[in-house]
Amino acid sequence: MIILTNCMTPKADEGALKVACSLIRRLKRSTCDTALWTYERPSEEADCHLKLGKLFLSFKLWRLLRKRKEKVLYAPFPTGMLPMALRVYVLSKMCRKNLTVLVSMQASPSKLGAWLLRRSKACVAVLSPEARAYYEQAGVPVVHLHTGVDTKRFQPVTAEEKRALRQKYGVPADRTVVLHVGHLKAGRNVSVFLNLPAEFHGVLVTSSFTAQQQDEALKEALMKQKNMTLTDTYQEHIEQWYQLADVYLFPVTEAGNCIDTPLSALEAAACGVPVVATAYGELQCLMEEKGFYKIENLEDDILHPLLAQAAKQQKSPRQAVVPYDWDNAVRFLQESRKEVLG
């Protein structure tokens, strides 16, 4: 297999990068003949780095693909559907074998993009029911990957370990800790942390990859809150932030503000932390599971009691997300080559 991507980075704390990097690294480790080709973002892990134009019109790429005669997995960083489809169409004309495209975030629909994908005969691997439904309706071969969490790394801790982690990171031990991990922008509705009652302590861990895209006014307002901890640097042990929390809050409602499978919600759930969330993307498949609490309304008088209920009941959602382990997705891709990779 050949993997072509612009997503490889040693510090993947952004959703789309994390999906691509995690799956690619595991695929490469599990199959000795897998070749990793990068473009735009060089990587020490790559077997080859290519300088490609926006349309992939490269003689070197064409020569390499024709020589290898192998199946190709294309994992692009999220972009508009039409630019992605144009590149996929060009790739399909270079490949001797079938082509699969990993789409981590559903882009705005494009009739021309859908037509190009149909003509390319590529299979699209998606992460949410909505994305699958869209591509199926558009007549594009599609498969729904259930993935997004390392259940070995993200595990529950004891009450004593939780207290120690709060002390380590300077988080109050006597408050109900509400956590959110992700981009600091208004579109994710993190402004709800501004109104948390005194009995709650909010914790925001934001992506260092998008630090320059932060909503500075919102950041300043949040930092003025007495019951708030905010960090925007890369966290090597991000699992510890989940483990110190009492409840995880995912208030995103509008498409395009998160990848189709909110990895942070899955990671929190794997740590046994109750998840209060909107039915965004793949999360709609988990809303009826133990430890998940559906947000019907972001108004304070609705949200705050729901957070209190989740924190008090402490129902662990871990079992619901075990099937989403990265290794299962890798196994699915490997065992389903006839269906997915041709």
C-alpha atoms as a PDB file:
ATOM      1  CA  MET A   1       0.000   0.000   0.000  1.00  0.00           C
ATOM      2  CA  ILE A   2       1.072   3.597  -0.684  1.00  0.00           C
ATOM      3  CA  ILE A   3      -0.074   6.351   1.671  1.00  0.00           C
ATOM      4  CA  LEU A   4       0.010   9.924   0.355  1.00  0.00           C
ATOM      5  CA  THR A   5      -0.608  12.686   2.894  1.00  0.00           C
ATOM      6  CA  ASN A   6       0.083  16.254   4.010  1.00  0.00           C
ATOM      7  CA  CYS A   7      -0.951  15.526   7.594  1.00  0.00           C
ATOM      8  CA  MET A   8       2.154  14.044   9.235  1.00  0.00           C
ATOM      9  CA  THR A   9       3.426  16.002  12.243  1.00  0.00           C
ATOM     10  CA  PRO A  10       5.177  14.991  15.491  1.00  0.00           C
ATOM     11  CA  LYS A  11       2.723  17.054  17.573  1.00  0.00           C
ATOM     12  CA  ALA A  12      -0.746  16.178  16.336  1.00  0.00           C
ATOM     13  CA  ASP A  13      -3.088  17.983  18.731  1.00  0.00           C
ATOM     14  CA  GLU A  14      -5.572  19.005  16.023  1.00  0.00           C
ATOM     15  CA  GLY A  15      -8.391  16.621  15.154  1.00  0.00           C
ATOM     16  CA  ALA A  16      -7.826  16.078  11.422  1.00  0.00           C
ATOM     17  CA  LEU A  17      -4.074  15.703  11.894  1.00  0.00           C
ATOM     18  CA  LYS A  18      -4.609  13.289  14.760  1.00  0.00           C
ATOM     19  CA  VAL A  19      -6.920  11.067  12.734  1.00  0.00           C
ATOM     20  CA  ALA A  20      -4.544  10.898   9.792  1.00  0.00           C
ATOM     21  CA  CYS A  21      -1.344  10.514  11.828  1.00  0.00           C
ATOM     22  CA  SER A  22      -2.762   7.859  14.124  1.00  0.00           C
ATOM     23  CA  LEU A  23      -4.137   5.690  11.344  1.00  0.00           C
ATOM     24  CA  ILE A  24      -1.094   6.126   9.113  1.00  0.00           C
ATOM     25  CA  ARG A  25       1.427   5.245  11.822  1.00  0.00           C
ATOM     26  CA  ARG A  26      -0.508   2.152  12.776  1.00  0.00           C
ATOM     27  CA  LEU A  27      -0.936   1.042   9.165  1.00  0.00           C
ATOM     28  CA  LYS A  28       2.774   1.515   8.537  1.00  0.00           C
ATOM     29  CA  ARG A  29       3.757  -0.434  11.658  1.00  0.00           C
ATOM     30  CA  SER A  30       1.420  -3.305  10.892  1.00  0.00           C
ATOM     31  CA  THR A  31       2.401  -3.767   7.237  1.00  0.00           C
ATOM     32  CA  CYS A  32       6.100  -3.835   6.353  1.00  0.00           C
ATOM     33  CA  ASP A  33       5.530  -3.070   2.659  1.00  0.00           C
ATOM     34  CA  THR A  34       3.541   0.125   3.265  1.00  0.00           C
ATOM     35  CA  ALA A  35       5.188   3.220   1.746  1.00  0.00           C
ATOM     36  CA  LEU A  36       4.552   6.677   3.228  1.00  0.00           C
ATOM     37  CA  TRP A  37       4.828   9.630   0.857  1.00  0.00           C
ATOM     38  CA  THR A  38       4.366  13.157   2.174  1.00  0.00           C
ATOM     39  CA  TYR A  39       3.846  16.539   0.544  1.00  0.00           C
ATOM     40  CA  GLU A  40       3.619  20.098   1.950  1.00  0.00           C
ATOM     41  CA  ARG A  41       4.572  18.904   5.470  1.00  0.00           C
ATOM     42  CA  PRO A  42       7.866  16.964   5.451  1.00  0.00           C
ATOM     43  CA  SER A  43       8.252  14.167   7.991  1.00  0.00           C
ATOM     44  CA  GLU A  44      11.153  12.064   9.216  1.00  0.00           C
ATOM     45  CA  GLU A  45       8.769   9.112   9.121  1.00  0.00           C
ATOM     46  CA  ALA A  46       8.230   9.422   5.373  1.00  0.00           C
ATOM     47  CA  ASP A  47       9.851   7.196   2.787  1.00  0.00           C
ATOM     48  CA  CYS A  48       9.616   9.998   0.254  1.00  0.00           C
ATOM     49  CA  HIS A  49       8.732  13.709   0.278  1.00  0.00           C
ATOM     50  CA  LEU A  50       7.246  15.179  -2.878  1.00  0.00           C
ATOM     51  CA  LYS A  51       6.920  18.749  -4.087  1.00  0.00           C
ATOM     52  CA  LEU A  52       3.450  18.828  -5.572  1.00  0.00           C
ATOM     53  CA  GLY A  53       1.407  21.610  -7.092  1.00  0.00           C
ATOM     54  CA  LYS A  54      -2.208  22.209  -6.134  1.00  0.00           C
ATOM     55  CA  LEU A  55      -3.477  19.790  -8.800  1.00  0.00           C
ATOM     56  CA  PHE A  56      -0.823  17.073  -8.302  1.00  0.00           C
ATOM     57  CA  LEU A  57       0.301  17.436 -11.917  1.00  0.00           C
ATOM     58  CA  SER A  58       3.711  15.919 -11.227  1.00  0.00           C
ATOM     59  CA  PHE A  59       5.719  13.658 -13.542  1.00  0.00           C
ATOM     60  CA  LYS A  60       7.630  12.272 -10.536  1.00  0.00           C
ATOM     61  CA  LEU A  61       4.412  11.323  -8.752  1.00  0.00           C
ATOM     62  CA  TRP A  62       3.041   9.742 -11.923  1.00  0.00           C
ATOM     63  CA  ARG A  63       6.273   7.760 -12.450  1.00  0.00           C
ATOM     64  CA  LEU A  64       6.370   6.532  -8.846  1.00  0.00           C
ATOM     65  CA  LEU A  65       2.739   5.434  -8.849  1.00  0.00           C
ATOM     66  CA  ARG A  66       3.023   3.664 -12.199  1.00  0.00           C
ATOM     67  CA  LYS A  67       6.182   1.901 -11.056  1.00  0.00           C
ATOM     68  CA  ARG A  68       4.796   0.695  -7.710  1.00  0.00           C
ATOM     69  CA  LYS A  69       1.449  -0.536  -9.063  1.00  0.00           C
ATOM     70  CA  GLU A  70      -0.037  -0.583  -5.555  1.00  0.00           C
ATOM     71  CA  LYS A  71      -3.250   0.511  -3.902  1.00  0.00           C
ATOM     72  CA  VAL A  72      -3.195   4.110  -2.625  1.00  0.00           C
ATOM     73  CA  LEU A  73      -4.637   5.649   0.524  1.00  0.00           C
ATOM     74  CA  TYR A  74      -4.839   9.432   0.173  1.00  0.00           C
ATOM     75  CA  ALA A  75      -5.187  11.255   3.510  1.00  0.00           C
ATOM     76  CA  PRO A  76      -5.462  15.031   2.917  1.00  0.00           C
ATOM     77  CA  PHE A  77      -5.817  17.791   5.477  1.00  0.00           C
ATOM     78  CA  PRO A  78      -9.429  19.080   5.296  1.00  0.00           C
ATOM     79  CA  THR A  79     -10.117  21.459   2.440  1.00  0.00           C
ATOM     80  CA  GLY A  80     -12.996  22.305   0.135  1.00  0.00           C
ATOM     81  CA  MET A  81     -14.676  19.389  -1.562  1.00  0.00           C
ATOM     82  CA  LEU A  82     -13.944  20.599  -5.094  1.00  0.00           C
ATOM     83  CA  PRO A  83     -10.145  21.058  -4.618  1.00  0.00           C
ATOM     84  CA  MET A  84     -10.000  17.674  -2.896  1.00  0.00           C
ATOM     85  CA  ALA A  85     -12.011  16.016  -5.667  1.00  0.00           C
ATOM     86  CA  LEU A  86      -9.812  17.544  -8.384  1.00  0.00           C
ATOM     87  CA  ARG A  87      -6.698  16.082  -6.764  1.00  0.00           C
ATOM     88  CA  VAL A  88      -8.395  12.712  -6.298  1.00  0.00           C
ATOM     89  CA  TYR A  89      -9.416  12.672  -9.963  1.00  0.00           C
ATOM     90  CA  VAL A  90      -5.834  13.403 -11.062  1.00  0.00           C
ATOM     91  CA  LEU A  91      -4.506  10.709  -8.701  1.00  0.00           C
ATOM     92  CA  SER A  92      -6.978   8.181 -10.073  1.00  0.00           C
ATOM     93  CA  LYS A  93      -5.543   8.653 -13.558  1.00  0.00           C
ATOM     94  CA  MET A  94      -2.046   7.896 -12.237  1.00  0.00           C
ATOM     95  CA  CYS A  95      -2.901   4.854 -10.128  1.00  0.00           C
ATOM     96  CA  ARG A  96      -2.716   1.346 -11.539  1.00  0.00           C
ATOM     97  CA  LYS A  97      -4.720   0.102  -8.550  1.00  0.00           C
ATOM     98  CA  ASN A  98      -7.703   1.379  -6.600  1.00  0.00           C
ATOM     99  CA  LEU A  99      -7.642   4.587  -4.597  1.00  0.00           C
ATOM    100  CA  THR A 100      -9.161   5.320  -1.176  1.00  0.00           C
ATOM    101  CA  VAL A 101      -9.563   8.824   0.274  1.00  0.00           C
ATOM    102  CA  LEU A 102      -9.754   9.469   4.030  1.00  0.00           C
ATOM    103  CA  VAL A 103     -12.136  12.367   4.717  1.00  0.00           C
ATOM    104  CA  SER A 104     -12.095  13.483   8.368  1.00  0.00           C
ATOM    105  CA  MET A 105     -14.372  16.503   7.977  1.00  0.00           C
ATOM    106  CA  GLN A 106     -17.372  16.816   5.710  1.00  0.00           C
ATOM    107  CA  ALA A 107     -16.837  19.772   3.377  1.00  0.00           C
ATOM    108  CA  SER A 108     -19.579  21.867   1.804  1.00  0.00           C
ATOM    109  CA  PRO A 109     -21.298  19.876  -0.963  1.00  0.00           C
ATOM    110  CA  SER A 110     -20.179  20.406  -4.535  1.00  0.00           C
ATOM    111  CA  LYS A 111     -21.973  18.916  -7.546  1.00  0.00           C
ATOM    112  CA  LEU A 112     -18.822  19.135  -9.652  1.00  0.00           C
ATOM    113  CA  GLY A 113     -16.778  17.662  -6.813  1.00  0.00           C
ATOM    114  CA  ALA A 114     -19.187  14.739  -6.483  1.00  0.00           C
ATOM    115  CA  TRP A 115     -19.073  14.193 -10.261  1.00  0.00           C
ATOM    116  CA  LEU A 116     -15.272  14.115 -10.218  1.00  0.00           C
ATOM    117  CA  LEU A 117     -15.259  11.627  -7.344  1.00  0.00           C
ATOM    118  CA  ARG A 118     -17.667   9.364  -9.207  1.00  0.00           C
ATOM    119  CA  ARG A 119     -15.483   9.561 -12.320  1.00  0.00           C
ATOM    120  CA  SER A 120     -12.381   8.784 -10.282  1.00  0.00           C
ATOM    121  CA  LYS A 121     -13.970   5.580  -8.927  1.00  0.00           C
ATOM    122  CA  ALA A 122     -12.203   6.272  -5.627  1.00  0.00           C
ATOM    123  CA  CYS A 123     -13.673   4.988  -2.386  1.00  0.00           C
ATOM    124  CA  VAL A 124     -14.204   7.621   0.313  1.00  0.00           C
ATOM    125  CA  ALA A 125     -13.636   6.623   3.957  1.00  0.00           C
ATOM    126  CA  VAL A 126     -15.648   8.892   6.288  1.00  0.00           C
ATOM    127  CA  LEU A 127     -16.134   9.285  10.037  1.00  0.00           C
ATOM    128  CA  SER A 128     -19.808  10.137  10.481  1.00  0.00           C
ATOM    129  CA  PRO A 129     -23.286   8.963   9.412  1.00  0.00           C
ATOM    130  CA  GLU A 130     -24.025  12.309   7.740  1.00  0.00           C
ATOM    131  CA  ALA A 131     -20.907  12.114   5.587  1.00  0.00           C
ATOM    132  CA  ARG A 132     -21.686   8.544   4.598  1.00  0.00           C
ATOM    133  CA  ALA A 133     -25.250   9.476   3.674  1.00  0.00           C
ATOM    134  CA  TYR A 134     -24.059  12.402   1.560  1.00  0.00           C
ATOM    135  CA  TYR A 135     -21.566  10.384  -0.493  1.00  0.00           C
ATOM    136  CA  GLU A 136     -24.002   7.492  -0.886  1.00  0.00           C
ATOM    137  CA  GLN A 137     -26.629   9.885  -2.207  1.00  0.00           C
ATOM    138  CA  ALA A 138     -24.029  11.374  -4.550  1.00  0.00           C
ATOM    139  CA  GLY A 139     -23.275   7.906  -5.943  1.00  0.00           C
ATOM    140  CA  VAL A 140     -19.712   7.802  -4.571  1.00  0.00           C
ATOM    141  CA  PRO A 141     -18.377   4.527  -3.077  1.00  0.00           C
ATOM    142  CA  VAL A 142     -18.095   5.138   0.672  1.00  0.00           C
ATOM    143  CA  VAL A 143     -17.263   3.337   3.906  1.00  0.00           C
ATOM    144  CA  HIS A 144     -17.916   4.550   7.462  1.00  0.00           C
ATOM    145  CA  LEU A 145     -14.881   4.164   9.768  1.00  0.00           C
ATOM    146  CA  HIS A 146     -15.602   3.983  13.496  1.00  0.00           C
ATOM    147  CA  THR A 147     -12.370   5.225  15.019  1.00  0.00           C
ATOM    148  CA  GLY A 148     -10.680   7.887  17.087  1.00  0.00           C
ATOM    149  CA  VAL A 149      -9.223   6.764  20.426  1.00  0.00           C
ATOM    150  CA  ASP A 150      -6.289   4.863  21.914  1.00  0.00           C
ATOM    151  CA  THR A 151      -8.012   2.937  24.707  1.00  0.00           C
ATOM    152  CA  LYS A 152      -4.675   1.797  26.131  1.00  0.00           C
ATOM    153  CA  ARG A 153      -3.421   5.335  26.638  1.00  0.00           C
ATOM    154  CA  PHE A 154      -6.744   6.883  27.667  1.00  0.00           C
ATOM    155  CA  GLN A 155      -7.853   4.964  30.752  1.00  0.00           C
ATOM    156  CA  PRO A 156      -9.709   5.728  34.003  1.00  0.00           C
ATOM    157  CA  VAL A 157      -7.703   6.574  37.141  1.00  0.00           C
ATOM    158  CA  THR A 158      -8.392   6.185  40.851  1.00  0.00           C
ATOM    159  CA  ALA A 159      -9.742   9.011  43.016  1.00  0.00           C
ATOM    160  CA  GLU A 160      -6.294   9.347  44.575  1.00  0.00           C
ATOM    161  CA  GLU A 161      -4.616   9.650  41.176  1.00  0.00           C
ATOM    162  CA  LYS A 162      -7.234  12.233  40.134  1.00  0.00           C
ATOM    163  CA  ARG A 163      -6.416  14.355  43.198  1.00  0.00           C
ATOM    164  CA  ALA A 164      -2.687  14.095  42.438  1.00  0.00           C
ATOM    165  CA  LEU A 165      -3.237  15.243  38.847  1.00  0.00           C
ATOM    166  CA  ARG A 166      -5.258  18.250  39.984  1.00  0.00           C
ATOM    167  CA  GLN A 167      -2.452  19.218  42.315  1.00  0.00           C
ATOM    168  CA  LYS A 168       0.082  18.779  39.495  1.00  0.00           C
ATOM    169  CA  TYR A 169      -1.797  21.124  37.146  1.00  0.00           C
ATOM    170  CA  GLY A 170      -3.071  23.582  39.747  1.00  0.00           C
ATOM    171  CA  VAL A 171      -6.737  22.643  39.376  1.00  0.00           C
ATOM    172  CA  PRO A 172      -8.947  22.960  42.516  1.00  0.00           C
ATOM    173  CA  ALA A 173      -9.630  19.694  44.319  1.00  0.00           C
ATOM    174  CA  ASP A 174     -12.913  20.875  45.847  1.00  0.00           C
ATOM    175  CA  ARG A 175     -14.784  21.864  42.678  1.00  0.00           C
ATOM    176  CA  THR A 176     -16.629  19.955  39.956  1.00  0.00           C
ATOM    177  CA  VAL A 177     -14.197  20.164  37.052  1.00  0.00           C
ATOM    178  CA  VAL A 178     -15.731  20.652  33.590  1.00  0.00           C
ATOM    179  CA  LEU A 179     -13.278  20.092  30.726  1.00  0.00           C
ATOM    180  CA  HIS A 180     -13.184  20.955  27.034  1.00  0.00           C
ATOM    181  CA  VAL A 181     -10.292  20.208  24.666  1.00  0.00           C
ATOM    182  CA  GLY A 182     -10.105  21.820  21.230  1.00  0.00           C
ATOM    183  CA  HIS A 183      -9.960  25.057  19.263  1.00  0.00           C
ATOM    184  CA  LEU A 184     -10.548  28.324  21.083  1.00  0.00           C
ATOM    185  CA  LYS A 185     -13.049  29.909  18.754  1.00  0.00           C
ATOM    186  CA  ALA A 186     -16.604  31.164  19.043  1.00  0.00           C
ATOM    187  CA  GLY A 187     -17.914  28.540  16.595  1.00  0.00           C
ATOM    188  CA  ARG A 188     -17.295  25.825  19.176  1.00  0.00           C
ATOM    189  CA  ASN A 189     -19.567  27.580  21.708  1.00  0.00           C
ATOM    190  CA  VAL A 190     -16.893  27.551  24.417  1.00  0.00           C
ATOM    191  CA  SER A 191     -18.323  30.871  25.589  1.00  0.00           C
ATOM    192  CA  VAL A 192     -20.650  28.728  27.750  1.00  0.00           C
ATOM    193  CA  PHE A 193     -17.686  28.451  30.142  1.00  0.00           C
ATOM    194  CA  LEU A 194     -18.084  32.151  30.914  1.00  0.00           C
ATOM    195  CA  ASN A 195     -21.304  31.433  32.831  1.00  0.00           C
ATOM    196  CA  LEU A 196     -20.277  28.408  34.878  1.00  0.00           C
ATOM    197  CA  PRO A 197     -21.541  28.707  38.490  1.00  0.00           C
ATOM    198  CA  ALA A 198     -19.030  28.946  41.346  1.00  0.00           C
ATOM    199  CA  GLU A 199     -19.372  25.254  42.242  1.00  0.00           C
ATOM    200  CA  PHE A 200     -17.868  24.361  38.847  1.00  0.00           C
ATOM    201  CA  HIS A 201     -14.288  24.910  37.688  1.00  0.00           C
ATOM    202  CA  GLY A 202     -13.848  25.122  33.930  1.00  0.00           C
ATOM    203  CA  VAL A 203     -10.743  23.790  32.193  1.00  0.00           C
ATOM    204  CA  LEU A 204      -9.951  24.566  28.547  1.00  0.00           C
ATOM    205  CA  VAL A 205      -7.041  22.884  26.781  1.00  0.00           C
ATOM    206  CA  THR A 206      -6.746  24.429  23.329  1.00  0.00           C
ATOM    207  CA  SER A 207      -4.883  23.287  20.236  1.00  0.00           C
ATOM    208  CA  SER A 208      -1.363  24.645  19.812  1.00  0.00           C
ATOM    209  CA  PHE A 209      -1.648  23.922  16.064  1.00  0.00           C
ATOM    210  CA  THR A 210      -4.319  26.607  15.717  1.00  0.00           C
ATOM    211  CA  ALA A 211      -2.949  29.009  18.345  1.00  0.00           C
ATOM    212  CA  GLN A 212      -2.796  31.870  15.844  1.00  0.00           C
ATOM    213  CA  GLN A 213      -6.462  31.348  14.943  1.00  0.00           C
ATOM    214  CA  GLN A 214      -7.702  31.817  18.507  1.00  0.00           C
ATOM    215  CA  ASP A 215     -10.496  34.236  19.282  1.00  0.00           C
ATOM    216  CA  GLU A 216      -8.427  36.663  21.376  1.00  0.00           C
ATOM    217  CA  ALA A 217     -11.429  38.526  22.801  1.00  0.00           C
ATOM    218  CA  LEU A 218     -12.965  35.258  23.955  1.00  0.00           C
ATOM    219  CA  LYS A 219      -9.632  34.097  25.378  1.00  0.00           C
ATOM    220  CA  GLU A 220      -9.240  37.327  27.357  1.00  0.00           C
ATOM    221  CA  ALA A 221     -12.770  37.031  28.753  1.00  0.00           C
ATOM    222  CA  LEU A 222     -12.217  33.417  29.781  1.00  0.00           C
ATOM    223  CA  MET A 223      -8.911  34.194  31.478  1.00  0.00           C
ATOM    224  CA  LYS A 224     -10.653  36.793  33.649  1.00  0.00           C
ATOM    225  CA  GLN A 225     -12.893  34.090  35.102  1.00  0.00           C
ATOM    226  CA  LYS A 226     -11.907  33.088  38.643  1.00  0.00           C
ATOM    227  CA  ASN A 227     -13.179  29.534  38.197  1.00  0.00           C
ATOM    228  CA  MET A 228     -11.253  28.893  34.978  1.00  0.00           C
ATOM    229  CA  THR A 229      -7.994  27.235  33.908  1.00  0.00           C
ATOM    230  CA  LEU A 230      -6.860  27.750  30.310  1.00  0.00           C
ATOM    231  CA  THR A 231      -3.781  26.347  28.593  1.00  0.00           C
ATOM    232  CA  ASP A 232      -2.855  26.752  24.920  1.00  0.00           C
ATOM    233  CA  THR A 233       0.509  24.978  24.768  1.00  0.00           C
ATOM    234  CA  TYR A 234       1.142  21.470  23.450  1.00  0.00           C
ATOM    235  CA  GLN A 235       0.336  18.876  26.117  1.00  0.00           C
ATOM    236  CA  GLU A 236       2.383  15.711  25.725  1.00  0.00           C
ATOM    237  CA  HIS A 237       0.274  13.921  28.339  1.00  0.00           C
ATOM    238  CA  ILE A 238      -3.133  15.145  27.278  1.00  0.00           C
ATOM    239  CA  GLU A 239      -4.730  12.054  28.810  1.00  0.00           C
ATOM    240  CA  GLN A 240      -3.982  13.461  32.280  1.00  0.00           C
ATOM    241  CA  TRP A 241      -6.235  16.454  31.667  1.00  0.00           C
ATOM    242  CA  TYR A 242      -9.141  14.127  30.916  1.00  0.00           C
ATOM    243  CA  GLN A 243      -8.334  12.003  33.940  1.00  0.00           C
ATOM    244  CA  LEU A 244      -8.502  14.959  36.357  1.00  0.00           C
ATOM    245  CA  ALA A 245     -11.965  16.030  35.118  1.00  0.00           C
ATOM    246  CA  ASP A 246     -15.395  15.188  36.544  1.00  0.00           C
ATOM    247  CA  VAL A 247     -17.298  15.800  33.332  1.00  0.00           C
ATOM    248  CA  TYR A 248     -16.434  16.530  29.706  1.00  0.00           C
ATOM    249  CA  LEU A 249     -18.409  19.214  27.855  1.00  0.00           C
ATOM    250  CA  PHE A 250     -18.693  19.239  24.051  1.00  0.00           C
ATOM    251  CA  PRO A 251     -21.023  22.125  23.067  1.00  0.00           C
ATOM    252  CA  VAL A 252     -20.283  22.311  19.303  1.00  0.00           C
ATOM    253  CA  THR A 253     -23.424  22.560  17.177  1.00  0.00           C
ATOM    254  CA  GLU A 254     -22.476  23.900  13.742  1.00  0.00           C
ATOM    255  CA  ALA A 255     -20.755  21.742  11.120  1.00  0.00           C
ATOM    256  CA  GLY A 256     -17.239  22.754  10.150  1.00  0.00           C
ATOM    257  CA  ASN A 257     -16.134  23.600  13.687  1.00  0.00           C
ATOM    258  CA  CYS A 258     -14.859  20.110  14.419  1.00  0.00           C
ATOM    259  CA  ILE A 259     -14.002  16.955  12.510  1.00  0.00           C
ATOM    260  CA  ASP A 260     -16.840  14.457  12.021  1.00  0.00           C
ATOM    261  CA  THR A 261     -15.716  12.279  14.934  1.00  0.00           C
ATOM    262  CA  PRO A 262     -14.961  14.566  17.919  1.00  0.00           C
ATOM    263  CA  LEU A 263     -11.840  12.815  19.192  1.00  0.00           C
ATOM    264  CA  SER A 264     -11.790  14.744  22.465  1.00  0.00           C
ATOM    265  CA  ALA A 265     -15.200  13.368  23.452  1.00  0.00           C
ATOM    266  CA  LEU A 266     -14.055   9.816  22.683  1.00  0.00           C
ATOM    267  CA  GLU A 267     -10.841  10.297  24.669  1.00  0.00           C
ATOM    268  CA  ALA A 268     -12.749  11.649  27.653  1.00  0.00           C
ATOM    269  CA  ALA A 269     -15.152   8.711  27.484  1.00  0.00           C
ATOM    270  CA  ALA A 270     -12.257   6.240  27.323  1.00  0.00           C
ATOM    271  CA  CYS A 271     -10.980   7.785  30.577  1.00  0.00           C
ATOM    272  CA  GLY A 272     -14.344   7.020  32.164  1.00  0.00           C
ATOM    273  CA  VAL A 273     -15.383  10.687  32.278  1.00  0.00           C
ATOM    274  CA  PRO A 274     -19.103  11.362  31.661  1.00  0.00           C
ATOM    275  CA  VAL A 275     -19.647  13.247  28.399  1.00  0.00           C
ATOM    276  CA  VAL A 276     -22.214  16.041  28.087  1.00  0.00           C
ATOM    277  CA  ALA A 277     -22.453  16.756  24.374  1.00  0.00           C
ATOM    278  CA  THR A 278     -24.484  17.772  21.371  1.00  0.00           C
ATOM    279  CA  ALA A 279     -25.359  15.062  18.860  1.00  0.00           C
ATOM    280  CA  TYR A 280     -22.588  16.279  16.551  1.00  0.00           C
ATOM    281  CA  GLY A 281     -21.303  13.971  13.821  1.00  0.00           C
ATOM    282  CA  GLU A 282     -20.466  10.497  15.100  1.00  0.00           C
ATOM    283  CA  LEU A 283     -21.628  11.436  18.617  1.00  0.00           C
ATOM    284  CA  GLN A 284     -25.231  10.969  17.527  1.00  0.00           C
ATOM    285  CA  CYS A 285     -24.472   7.224  17.478  1.00  0.00           C
ATOM    286  CA  LEU A 286     -23.483   7.335  21.163  1.00  0.00           C
ATOM    287  CA  MET A 287     -26.183   9.496  22.709  1.00  0.00           C
ATOM    288  CA  GLU A 288     -28.146   6.517  24.046  1.00  0.00           C
ATOM    289  CA  GLU A 289     -25.078   4.899  25.621  1.00  0.00           C
ATOM    290  CA  LYS A 290     -24.283   4.889  29.337  1.00  0.00           C
ATOM    291  CA  GLY A 291     -22.302   7.939  30.451  1.00  0.00           C
ATOM    292  CA  PHE A 292     -23.376  10.163  27.529  1.00  0.00           C
ATOM    293  CA  TYR A 293     -25.750  13.084  28.160  1.00  0.00           C
ATOM    294  CA  LYS A 294     -27.333  14.845  25.198  1.00  0.00           C
ATOM    295  CA  ILE A 295     -27.404  18.637  25.152  1.00  0.00           C
ATOM    296  CA  GLU A 296     -30.792  19.785  23.898  1.00  0.00           C
ATOM    297  CA  ASN A 297     -30.234  23.443  24.728  1.00  0.00           C
ATOM    298  CA  LEU A 298     -27.154  25.515  25.632  1.00  0.00           C
ATOM    299  CA  GLU A 299     -29.103  27.885  27.872  1.00  0.00           C
ATOM    300  CA  ASP A 300     -27.633  28.063  31.387  1.00  0.00           C
ATOM    301  CA  ASP A 301     -30.789  26.816  33.119  1.00  0.00           C
ATOM    302  CA  ILE A 302     -30.714  23.669  30.981  1.00  0.00           C
ATOM    303  CA  LEU A 303     -26.967  23.072  30.650  1.00  0.00           C
ATOM    304  CA  HIS A 304     -25.870  23.591  34.269  1.00  0.00           C
ATOM    305  CA  PRO A 305     -28.288  21.028  35.786  1.00  0.00           C
ATOM    306  CA  LEU A 306     -27.231  18.547  33.091  1.00  0.00           C
ATOM    307  CA  LEU A 307     -23.551  19.033  33.992  1.00  0.00           C
ATOM    308  CA  ALA A 308     -24.378  18.607  37.687  1.00  0.00           C
ATOM    309  CA  GLN A 309     -26.340  15.427  36.947  1.00  0.00           C
ATOM    310  CA  ALA A 310     -23.521  13.896  34.901  1.00  0.00           C
ATOM    311  CA  ALA A 311     -20.913  14.775  37.528  1.00  0.00           C
ATOM    312  CA  LYS A 312     -23.037  13.362  40.356  1.00  0.00           C
ATOM    313  CA  GLN A 313     -23.978  10.096  38.658  1.00  0.00           C
ATOM    314  CA  GLN A 314     -20.430   9.419  37.371  1.00  0.00           C
ATOM    315  CA  LYS A 315     -21.555   6.803  34.867  1.00  0.00           C
ATOM    316  CA  SER A 316     -18.535   5.650  32.880  1.00  0.00           C
ATOM    317  CA  PRO A 317     -18.972   5.760  29.079  1.00  0.00           C
ATOM    318  CA  ARG A 318     -15.745   3.826  28.432  1.00  0.00           C
ATOM    319  CA  GLN A 319     -17.335   0.613  27.128  1.00  0.00           C
ATOM    320  CA  ALA A 320     -19.270   2.549  24.496  1.00  0.00           C
ATOM    321  CA  VAL A 321     -16.069   3.832  22.855  1.00  0.00           C
ATOM    322  CA  VAL A 322     -13.928   0.686  23.029  1.00  0.00           C
ATOM    323  CA  PRO A 323     -15.035  -0.240  19.457  1.00  0.00           C
ATOM    324  CA  TYR A 324     -13.589   3.112  18.305  1.00  0.00           C
ATOM    325  CA  ASP A 325     -10.012   2.121  19.127  1.00  0.00           C
ATOM    326  CA  TRP A 326      -7.550   3.017  16.350  1.00  0.00           C
ATOM    327  CA  ASP A 327      -6.424  -0.599  16.088  1.00  0.00           C
ATOM    328  CA  ASN A 328      -9.934  -1.681  15.106  1.00  0.00           C
ATOM    329  CA  ALA A 329      -9.962   0.861  12.271  1.00  0.00           C
ATOM    330  CA  VAL A 330      -6.579  -0.348  11.025  1.00  0.00           C
ATOM    331  CA  ARG A 331      -7.814  -3.940  11.157  1.00  0.00           C
ATOM    332  CA  PHE A 332     -10.944  -2.929   9.281  1.00  0.00           C
ATOM    333  CA  LEU A 333      -8.930  -1.276   6.514  1.00  0.00           C
ATOM    334  CA  GLN A 334      -6.656  -4.289   6.230  1.00  0.00           C
ATOM    335  CA  GLU A 335      -9.364  -6.956   6.325  1.00  0.00           C
ATOM    336  CA  SER A 336     -11.706  -5.059   4.009  1.00  0.00           C
ATOM    337  CA  ARG A 337      -9.305  -4.512   1.137  1.00  0.00           C
ATOM    338  CA  LYS A 338     -11.635  -6.063  -1.373  1.00  0.00           C
ATOM    339  CA  GLU A 339     -14.460  -3.781  -0.274  1.00  0.00           C
ATOM    340  CA  VAL A 340     -12.522  -0.634   0.623  1.00  0.00           C
ATOM    341  CA  LEU A 341      -9.129  -0.684  -1.049  1.00  0.00           C
ATOM    342  CA  GLY A 342     -10.060  -2.716  -4.057  1.00  0.00           C
END
